[in-house]
Amino acid sequence: MDSFTLVVASALVAGIMAASMLLLYRASSRQRCLLDWSLSGLCFLASNLIGAVALKYRLDTVLAPAVANMFYIAGHAGILVGVRRHLFLRPRYDLAGLLALAVLCVHALPYTQGSVLHRLFLFTPVVVGINLGVVWLLRRQPDDGVKRAYLPLMALELLFAAQMALRLILEFMGSQFLQTSGSLFVLVFLSVSTMACALIVTHQQELALRRASLTDVLTGWLNRRALHDIARREFRRCRRNATPLFFITFDIDHFKSINDRYGHSVGDAAICHVTTLAARALRGYDAMFRIGGEEFAVVVGGGALADVQGIAQRLRELVANTPLLAQGLSVPMTVSVGVAAARDADAQWEDVLKRADEAMYHAKQHGRDRVSVHGIDLAEQKKAVRLHAVVN
């Protein structure tokens, strides 16, 4: 395939990239990085069209390579800008614009006009720097399930940077091996980058949908569906490592009367108020779930029963001592809390949750606003809490 055909093919692929990113943006307008990548495709399209015209009509002016290189580097910078926006960083279009303008101005120098090799020496480090910047930004992200979707783009940017560096070395040595291969690599780069950028967005949307399906909209806590997966995993780990596992369940006392007296909006505020306070009492790594209207569960791995009972007491006290302030009202609230520990005889995690529920209902039946531990009577519980407080 000759150079002209490769450049035309690259222009077509660049146009497809721009159109694909724009269509994806119309389907998912929150992903503004798609606009950046669409603009990047347009820059590559302009660069290749100018290159095709220059080859077709054998233009030997300074303007054609100057404008083509400006759009070419702007295309690479557009990918970096989109990655930055995707990562919630400032896009820095100002720096990208200044870079493109600098590339245009550098072509006025006699050295740049001297030969293609001179331009290659000047602009290869710029392109390689942009490629490596994309890789560096994506590599430093935490491995939270999204990072796998970054790997194709990272690999592509690394390979493109490597071929640019190799091409520069071989050009300096006088080899013709990669002298006319630039358009071929651009064609491959544009084809794969379109898929890689689309993969990043679609994978992120997939994870967002999964999180939404596992999260309670009102409180932000996990829902019952998530409880099944996480509790089963924790129960298996408890069995495998012979470590303690506990469930804390709690329920808002007289919640129906709050709804009936103040309305559902205050009822929703009450639920959010309790979960906010509970999160302060719990440890940051405890898994928290809303499993019913005003009923909640917490999976606690590790520690001793006295520690977990202390957490439950702290939760109860926070709610009892912090009334809800809503619509100019001060609404006192309490919760009844149940605690249960996993036993050797338990066949599944539901057995532990069932006992925690029984302990919670025991607390409700004995006056509410209290903590009940399954298998321990109220007198022993109060004594255990006092001893725990003295020790700490």
Protein backbone atom coordinates (compact mmCIF):
# COMPACT_ATOMS: atom_id res chain seq x y z
CA MET A 1 0.00 0.00 0.00
CA ASP A 2 1.52 3.33 -1.08
CA SER A 3 1.83 6.40 1.16
CA PHE A 4 -1.07 8.25 -0.46
CA THR A 5 -3.47 5.33 0.07
CA LEU A 6 -2.35 4.97 3.69
CA VAL A 7 -2.90 8.65 4.37
CA VAL A 8 -6.38 8.54 2.80
CA ALA A 9 -7.22 5.41 4.83
CA SER A 10 -5.99 7.15 8.00
CA ALA A 11 -8.22 10.12 7.18
CA LEU A 12 -11.23 7.80 6.86
CA VAL A 13 -10.43 6.09 10.18
CA ALA A 14 -9.96 9.48 11.85
CA GLY A 15 -13.38 10.54 10.56
CA ILE A 16 -14.87 7.32 11.94
CA MET A 17 -13.21 8.04 15.30
CA ALA A 18 -14.66 11.55 15.42
CA ALA A 19 -18.15 10.35 14.44
CA SER A 20 -18.08 7.37 16.84
CA MET A 21 -17.06 9.47 19.83
CA LEU A 22 -19.73 12.06 18.99
CA LEU A 23 -22.45 9.40 18.67
CA LEU A 24 -21.38 7.87 21.99
CA TYR A 25 -21.57 11.32 23.57
CA ARG A 26 -25.13 11.78 22.31
CA ALA A 27 -26.03 8.50 24.03
CA SER A 28 -24.16 9.44 27.21
CA SER A 29 -23.92 13.22 27.49
CA ARG A 30 -22.33 13.09 30.95
CA GLN A 31 -19.13 11.70 29.46
CA ARG A 32 -17.70 14.95 28.13
CA CYS A 33 -14.36 13.26 27.49
CA LEU A 34 -16.05 11.81 24.40
CA LEU A 35 -16.24 15.32 22.96
CA ASP A 36 -12.51 15.72 23.53
CA TRP A 37 -11.79 12.46 21.76
CA SER A 38 -14.16 13.41 18.94
CA LEU A 39 -12.25 16.66 18.51
CA SER A 40 -9.04 14.64 18.54
CA GLY A 41 -10.39 12.56 15.67
CA LEU A 42 -11.22 15.74 13.74
CA CYS A 43 -7.66 16.98 14.24
CA PHE A 44 -6.25 13.71 12.90
CA LEU A 45 -8.71 13.92 10.00
CA ALA A 46 -7.55 17.44 9.11
CA SER A 47 -3.89 16.41 9.38
CA ASN A 48 -4.34 13.43 7.07
CA LEU A 49 -6.45 15.32 4.55
CA ILE A 50 -3.78 18.01 4.26
CA GLY A 51 -1.16 15.29 3.93
CA ALA A 52 -3.16 13.55 1.20
CA VAL A 53 -3.57 16.79 -0.76
CA ALA A 54 0.15 17.54 -0.40
CA LEU A 55 1.05 14.07 -1.70
CA LYS A 56 -1.50 14.15 -4.51
CA TYR A 57 -0.48 17.51 -5.88
CA ARG A 58 3.16 17.37 -4.70
CA LEU A 59 2.88 20.59 -2.74
CA ASP A 60 6.29 21.81 -1.72
CA THR A 61 5.32 24.72 0.50
CA VAL A 62 6.04 25.35 4.16
CA LEU A 63 2.36 25.83 4.97
CA ALA A 64 1.17 22.28 4.21
CA PRO A 65 3.52 20.41 6.60
CA ALA A 66 3.16 23.16 9.20
CA VAL A 67 -0.63 22.94 9.38
CA ALA A 68 -0.62 19.13 9.02
CA ASN A 69 1.84 18.72 11.92
CA MET A 70 -0.07 21.23 14.03
CA PHE A 71 -3.28 19.20 13.67
CA TYR A 72 -1.39 15.92 14.12
CA ILE A 73 0.09 16.93 17.49
CA ALA A 74 -3.23 18.54 18.47
CA GLY A 75 -4.87 15.16 17.82
CA HIS A 76 -2.51 13.41 20.24
CA ALA A 77 -2.98 16.22 22.76
CA GLY A 78 -6.76 15.79 22.41
CA ILE A 79 -6.51 12.21 23.62
CA LEU A 80 -4.54 13.40 26.66
CA VAL A 81 -7.12 16.15 27.30
CA GLY A 82 -9.94 13.59 27.18
CA VAL A 83 -8.11 11.30 29.59
CA ARG A 84 -7.63 14.18 32.01
CA ARG A 85 -11.31 15.09 31.87
CA HIS A 86 -12.29 11.44 32.33
CA LEU A 87 -10.15 11.38 35.48
CA PHE A 88 -11.82 14.59 36.75
CA LEU A 89 -8.68 16.65 36.18
CA ARG A 90 -8.53 20.05 34.53
CA PRO A 91 -8.49 19.37 30.74
CA ARG A 92 -5.86 22.06 30.03
CA TYR A 93 -7.01 23.07 26.57
CA ASP A 94 -4.96 26.21 27.11
CA LEU A 95 -1.71 24.25 27.13
CA ALA A 96 -2.83 22.08 24.21
CA GLY A 97 -3.64 25.19 22.18
CA LEU A 98 -0.32 26.81 23.01
CA LEU A 99 1.49 23.63 22.00
CA ALA A 100 -0.31 23.50 18.64
CA LEU A 101 0.46 27.16 18.02
CA ALA A 102 4.12 26.60 18.92
CA VAL A 103 4.32 23.73 16.42
CA LEU A 104 2.93 26.02 13.73
CA CYS A 105 5.37 28.80 14.54
CA VAL A 106 8.42 26.50 14.67
CA HIS A 107 7.91 25.73 10.98
CA ALA A 108 9.00 29.28 10.22
CA LEU A 109 12.56 28.38 11.29
CA PRO A 110 15.01 27.52 8.49
CA TYR A 111 16.09 24.38 10.37
CA THR A 112 12.51 23.03 10.37
CA GLN A 113 12.09 23.76 6.68
CA GLY A 114 15.36 22.01 5.86
CA SER A 115 14.08 18.42 5.71
CA VAL A 116 11.57 15.90 7.01
CA LEU A 117 14.31 14.49 9.23
CA HIS A 118 14.71 17.82 10.99
CA ARG A 119 10.98 17.99 11.69
CA LEU A 120 11.09 14.43 12.93
CA PHE A 121 13.85 15.35 15.39
CA LEU A 122 11.85 18.30 16.67
CA PHE A 123 8.39 16.78 17.02
CA THR A 124 9.03 13.13 17.93
CA PRO A 125 9.89 14.01 21.57
CA VAL A 126 6.69 16.06 21.77
CA VAL A 127 4.50 13.19 20.56
CA VAL A 128 6.32 10.65 22.74
CA GLY A 129 5.90 12.96 25.74
CA ILE A 130 2.14 13.18 25.13
CA ASN A 131 1.90 9.39 24.74
CA LEU A 132 3.80 8.78 27.96
CA GLY A 133 1.69 11.42 29.72
CA VAL A 134 -1.45 9.42 28.91
CA VAL A 135 0.17 6.23 30.22
CA TRP A 136 1.39 7.93 33.41
CA LEU A 137 -2.03 9.38 34.22
CA LEU A 138 -3.84 6.08 33.70
CA ARG A 139 -1.20 3.98 35.47
CA ARG A 140 -1.38 5.99 38.69
CA GLN A 141 -5.10 5.38 39.09
CA PRO A 142 -6.20 2.95 41.84
CA ASP A 143 -7.09 -0.56 40.78
CA ASP A 144 -10.84 -0.23 41.46
CA GLY A 145 -12.24 -2.30 38.63
CA VAL A 146 -11.94 0.45 36.01
CA LYS A 147 -8.18 0.14 35.53
CA ARG A 148 -8.52 -2.99 33.39
CA ALA A 149 -10.34 -0.89 30.80
CA TYR A 150 -7.33 1.47 30.67
CA LEU A 151 -4.87 -1.25 29.63
CA PRO A 152 -5.58 -1.22 25.84
CA LEU A 153 -5.08 2.54 25.59
CA MET A 154 -1.98 2.39 27.80
CA ALA A 155 -0.47 -0.39 25.67
CA LEU A 156 -1.32 1.47 22.46
CA GLU A 157 0.26 4.72 23.64
CA LEU A 158 3.41 2.87 24.76
CA LEU A 159 3.73 1.01 21.46
CA PHE A 160 3.21 4.18 19.45
CA ALA A 161 5.81 6.04 21.52
CA ALA A 162 8.24 3.13 21.05
CA GLN A 163 7.80 3.06 17.28
CA MET A 164 8.25 6.83 17.08
CA ALA A 165 11.50 6.59 19.03
CA LEU A 166 12.69 3.63 16.92
CA ARG A 167 11.78 5.41 13.72
CA LEU A 168 13.80 8.44 14.79
CA ILE A 169 16.85 6.26 15.54
CA LEU A 170 16.64 4.43 12.23
CA GLU A 171 16.13 7.67 10.31
CA PHE A 172 19.27 9.04 11.97
CA MET A 173 21.19 5.91 10.92
CA GLY A 174 19.99 6.31 7.34
CA SER A 175 17.80 3.18 7.32
CA GLN A 176 14.75 3.12 5.07
CA PHE A 177 13.00 0.43 7.12
CA LEU A 178 10.59 2.75 8.91
CA GLN A 179 11.02 5.82 6.76
CA THR A 180 7.64 5.47 5.00
CA SER A 181 5.84 3.55 7.74
CA GLY A 182 4.56 6.56 9.73
CA SER A 183 1.17 6.57 8.00
CA LEU A 184 0.71 2.85 8.63
CA PHE A 185 1.31 3.28 12.35
CA VAL A 186 -1.04 6.26 12.45
CA LEU A 187 -3.71 4.13 10.77
CA VAL A 188 -3.30 1.40 13.38
CA PHE A 189 -3.16 3.95 16.19
CA LEU A 190 -6.41 5.63 15.14
CA SER A 191 -8.22 2.33 14.66
CA VAL A 192 -7.27 0.93 18.06
CA SER A 193 -7.58 4.22 19.98
CA THR A 194 -11.20 4.54 18.87
CA MET A 195 -11.97 1.15 20.39
CA ALA A 196 -9.83 1.78 23.47
CA CYS A 197 -11.51 5.11 24.28
CA ALA A 198 -14.96 3.61 23.74
CA LEU A 199 -14.02 0.70 26.03
CA ILE A 200 -13.08 3.09 28.84
CA VAL A 201 -16.45 4.83 28.73
CA THR A 202 -18.60 1.73 28.31
CA HIS A 203 -16.77 -0.13 31.07
CA GLN A 204 -17.19 2.83 33.42
CA GLN A 205 -20.91 2.95 32.62
CA GLU A 206 -21.20 -0.77 33.26
CA LEU A 207 -19.58 -0.38 36.68
CA ALA A 208 -21.80 2.61 37.47
CA LEU A 209 -24.90 0.57 36.62
CA ARG A 210 -23.65 -2.28 38.78
CA ARG A 211 -23.01 0.07 41.70
CA ALA A 212 -26.47 1.57 41.25
CA SER A 213 -28.04 -1.89 41.32
CA LEU A 214 -26.26 -2.62 44.62
CA THR A 215 -26.78 0.75 46.31
CA ASP A 216 -29.76 2.21 48.13
CA VAL A 217 -30.64 5.50 46.43
CA LEU A 218 -31.80 7.30 49.59
CA THR A 219 -28.94 6.52 51.95
CA GLY A 220 -26.05 5.49 49.72
CA TRP A 221 -25.70 2.30 51.77
CA LEU A 222 -25.59 -1.07 50.05
CA ASN A 223 -28.88 -2.89 49.50
CA ARG A 224 -30.10 -6.41 50.21
CA ARG A 225 -28.82 -7.69 46.88
CA ALA A 226 -25.30 -6.56 47.79
CA LEU A 227 -25.73 -8.08 51.26
CA HIS A 228 -26.12 -11.53 49.74
CA ASP A 229 -22.82 -11.32 47.83
CA ILE A 230 -20.71 -9.62 50.50
CA ALA A 231 -22.04 -11.58 53.48
CA ARG A 232 -21.49 -14.87 51.67
CA ARG A 233 -17.90 -13.89 50.86
CA GLU A 234 -17.21 -12.76 54.43
CA PHE A 235 -18.78 -15.93 55.85
CA ARG A 236 -16.54 -18.11 53.66
CA ARG A 237 -13.48 -16.13 54.69
CA CYS A 238 -14.48 -16.47 58.32
CA ARG A 239 -14.66 -20.23 57.92
CA ARG A 240 -11.43 -20.47 55.93
CA ASN A 241 -9.32 -18.33 58.27
CA ALA A 242 -11.10 -19.21 61.53
CA THR A 243 -11.73 -15.52 62.26
CA PRO A 244 -14.74 -14.02 64.07
CA LEU A 245 -17.72 -12.67 62.14
CA PHE A 246 -20.56 -10.58 63.55
CA PHE A 247 -23.79 -9.03 62.39
CA ILE A 248 -25.21 -5.82 63.83
CA THR A 249 -28.82 -5.07 62.93
CA PHE A 250 -30.77 -2.01 64.00
CA ASP A 251 -34.18 -0.55 63.45
CA ILE A 252 -35.58 2.95 64.00
CA ASP A 253 -37.98 2.93 66.94
CA HIS A 254 -41.55 4.13 66.29
CA PHE A 255 -40.69 4.99 62.71
CA LYS A 256 -44.30 4.69 61.55
CA SER A 257 -45.38 7.34 64.03
CA ILE A 258 -42.67 9.69 62.66
CA ASN A 259 -44.02 9.19 59.16
CA ASP A 260 -47.63 9.60 60.27
CA ARG A 261 -46.97 12.70 62.35
CA TYR A 262 -44.45 14.62 60.24
CA GLY A 263 -44.87 13.19 56.73
CA HIS A 264 -42.78 11.02 54.46
CA SER A 265 -40.25 13.72 53.66
CA VAL A 266 -39.29 13.91 57.34
CA GLY A 267 -39.37 10.10 57.42
CA ASP A 268 -36.81 9.99 54.60
CA ALA A 269 -34.73 12.60 56.41
CA ALA A 270 -34.90 10.45 59.55
CA ILE A 271 -33.53 7.44 57.67
CA CYS A 272 -30.67 9.50 56.23
CA HIS A 273 -30.00 11.03 59.65
CA VAL A 274 -29.68 7.63 61.30
CA THR A 275 -27.42 6.18 58.60
CA THR A 276 -25.15 9.24 58.77
CA LEU A 277 -24.79 8.87 62.53
CA ALA A 278 -24.34 5.12 62.26
CA ALA A 279 -21.53 5.54 59.75
CA ARG A 280 -19.71 7.74 62.29
CA ALA A 281 -20.04 5.05 64.95
CA LEU A 282 -18.95 2.21 62.69
CA ARG A 283 -15.50 1.49 61.35
CA GLY A 284 -14.75 2.69 57.84
CA TYR A 285 -14.28 -0.83 56.48
CA ASP A 286 -17.49 -2.34 57.92
CA ALA A 287 -20.02 -3.22 55.20
CA MET A 288 -23.28 -1.32 55.80
CA PHE A 289 -26.65 -2.27 54.31
CA ARG A 290 -30.21 -0.99 54.22
CA ILE A 291 -32.24 -4.20 54.16
CA GLY A 292 -35.72 -2.83 54.75
CA GLY A 293 -37.67 0.40 55.09
CA GLU A 294 -36.11 1.44 58.40
CA GLU A 295 -34.03 -1.65 59.09
CA PHE A 296 -30.28 -1.87 58.61
CA ALA A 297 -27.50 -4.42 58.92
CA VAL A 298 -23.73 -4.25 59.31
CA VAL A 299 -21.24 -7.04 58.65
CA VAL A 300 -18.31 -6.83 61.09
CA GLY A 301 -15.28 -9.00 60.46
CA GLY A 302 -12.68 -9.61 63.16
CA GLY A 303 -12.46 -8.31 66.72
CA ALA A 304 -14.01 -9.56 69.93
CA LEU A 305 -17.66 -9.63 70.95
CA ALA A 306 -17.08 -6.91 73.54
CA ASP A 307 -15.63 -4.65 70.83
CA VAL A 308 -18.61 -5.18 68.55
CA GLN A 309 -20.99 -4.63 71.44
CA GLY A 310 -19.18 -1.37 72.18
CA ILE A 311 -19.65 -0.28 68.55
CA ALA A 312 -23.35 -1.08 68.79
CA GLN A 313 -23.69 0.90 72.01
CA ARG A 314 -21.89 3.86 70.49
CA LEU A 315 -24.26 3.76 67.54
CA ARG A 316 -27.30 3.68 69.83
CA GLU A 317 -26.02 6.55 71.96
CA LEU A 318 -25.23 8.75 68.96
CA VAL A 319 -28.77 8.40 67.63
CA ALA A 320 -30.37 8.91 71.06
CA ASN A 321 -28.29 12.01 71.78
CA THR A 322 -28.66 13.64 68.34
CA PRO A 323 -32.24 14.58 67.44
CA LEU A 324 -33.19 15.10 63.82
CA LEU A 325 -33.51 18.77 62.78
CA ALA A 326 -35.84 19.02 59.79
CA GLN A 327 -38.34 21.61 58.59
CA GLY A 328 -37.77 23.66 61.73
CA LEU A 329 -38.55 20.66 63.94
CA SER A 330 -36.45 18.76 66.44
CA VAL A 331 -37.44 15.11 66.26
CA PRO A 332 -35.99 12.82 68.97
CA MET A 333 -35.04 9.38 67.70
CA THR A 334 -33.81 6.07 69.05
CA VAL A 335 -32.84 2.72 67.59
CA SER A 336 -33.00 -0.85 68.82
CA VAL A 337 -29.85 -2.82 68.06
CA GLY A 338 -29.16 -6.53 67.82
CA VAL A 339 -25.76 -8.26 67.73
CA ALA A 340 -24.95 -11.87 66.87
CA ALA A 341 -21.71 -13.78 66.31
CA ALA A 342 -21.08 -16.57 63.85
CA ARG A 343 -20.95 -20.08 65.35
CA ASP A 344 -19.26 -23.26 64.25
CA ALA A 345 -22.65 -24.86 63.70
CA ASP A 346 -23.79 -22.17 61.25
CA ALA A 347 -24.27 -23.54 57.75
CA GLN A 348 -24.66 -20.16 56.06
CA TRP A 349 -24.44 -16.45 56.79
CA GLU A 350 -28.24 -16.17 56.97
CA ASP A 351 -28.10 -18.08 60.27
CA VAL A 352 -26.05 -15.27 61.84
CA LEU A 353 -28.32 -12.57 60.44
CA LYS A 354 -31.37 -14.37 61.75
CA ARG A 355 -29.96 -14.40 65.29
CA ALA A 356 -29.04 -10.71 65.02
CA ASP A 357 -32.65 -9.98 64.02
CA GLU A 358 -33.89 -12.01 66.98
CA ALA A 359 -31.62 -9.99 69.28
CA MET A 360 -32.93 -6.74 67.78
CA TYR A 361 -36.55 -7.76 68.33
CA HIS A 362 -35.59 -8.76 71.87
CA ALA A 363 -34.33 -5.19 72.38
CA LYS A 364 -37.62 -3.81 71.05
CA GLN A 365 -39.68 -6.04 73.31
CA HIS A 366 -37.70 -4.93 76.35
CA GLY A 367 -38.13 -1.19 76.08
CA ARG A 368 -36.39 -0.16 72.81
CA ASP A 369 -33.39 2.21 72.66
CA ARG A 370 -31.07 -0.60 73.75
CA VAL A 371 -28.57 -3.15 72.48
CA SER A 372 -29.26 -6.85 72.75
CA VAL A 373 -26.66 -9.53 72.07
CA HIS A 374 -28.01 -12.91 71.06
CA GLY A 375 -27.46 -15.51 73.76
CA ILE A 376 -26.65 -13.00 76.52
CA ASP A 377 -29.30 -11.67 78.89
CA LEU A 378 -29.67 -7.95 79.56
CA ALA A 379 -27.86 -7.94 82.92
CA GLU A 380 -24.82 -9.67 81.46
CA GLN A 381 -24.81 -7.29 78.49
CA LYS A 382 -24.78 -4.19 80.71
CA LYS A 383 -21.96 -5.69 82.78
CA ALA A 384 -19.92 -6.51 79.66
CA VAL A 385 -20.32 -2.98 78.35
CA ARG A 386 -19.23 -1.46 81.69
CA LEU A 387 -16.15 -3.68 81.79
CA HIS A 388 -15.34 -2.77 78.18
CA ALA A 389 -15.61 0.93 79.01
CA VAL A 390 -13.29 0.57 82.03
CA VAL A 391 -10.68 -1.33 80.03
CA ASN A 392 -10.68 1.29 77.25
